[in-house]
């Protein structure tokens, strides 16, 4: 499983908040609108205020991969070979 998130803030702030992404790709203009709304909702959840008129700065993008390991010992990551 891969989980995606973005660290974002209102332009006038000095701290970022992490917003989980509900999508893996931005395929339409409405995808960006959903991301903006997710940021506003998370900001309101944490700080009890949202400011839809402010510019949002997206400053860090992350992906977290999680997987189960087989029984009987450590696993190994097998990736594609470098060209």
Foldseek 3Di string as FASTA:
>chain_A
DKWKWWWKDFPPDDGTDIFTQPDDDDDDPVSVVVVLVSRQVVCCVVPVDGDSVTDMDTDDMDMDDDDDADPDDDDDDDDDDDD
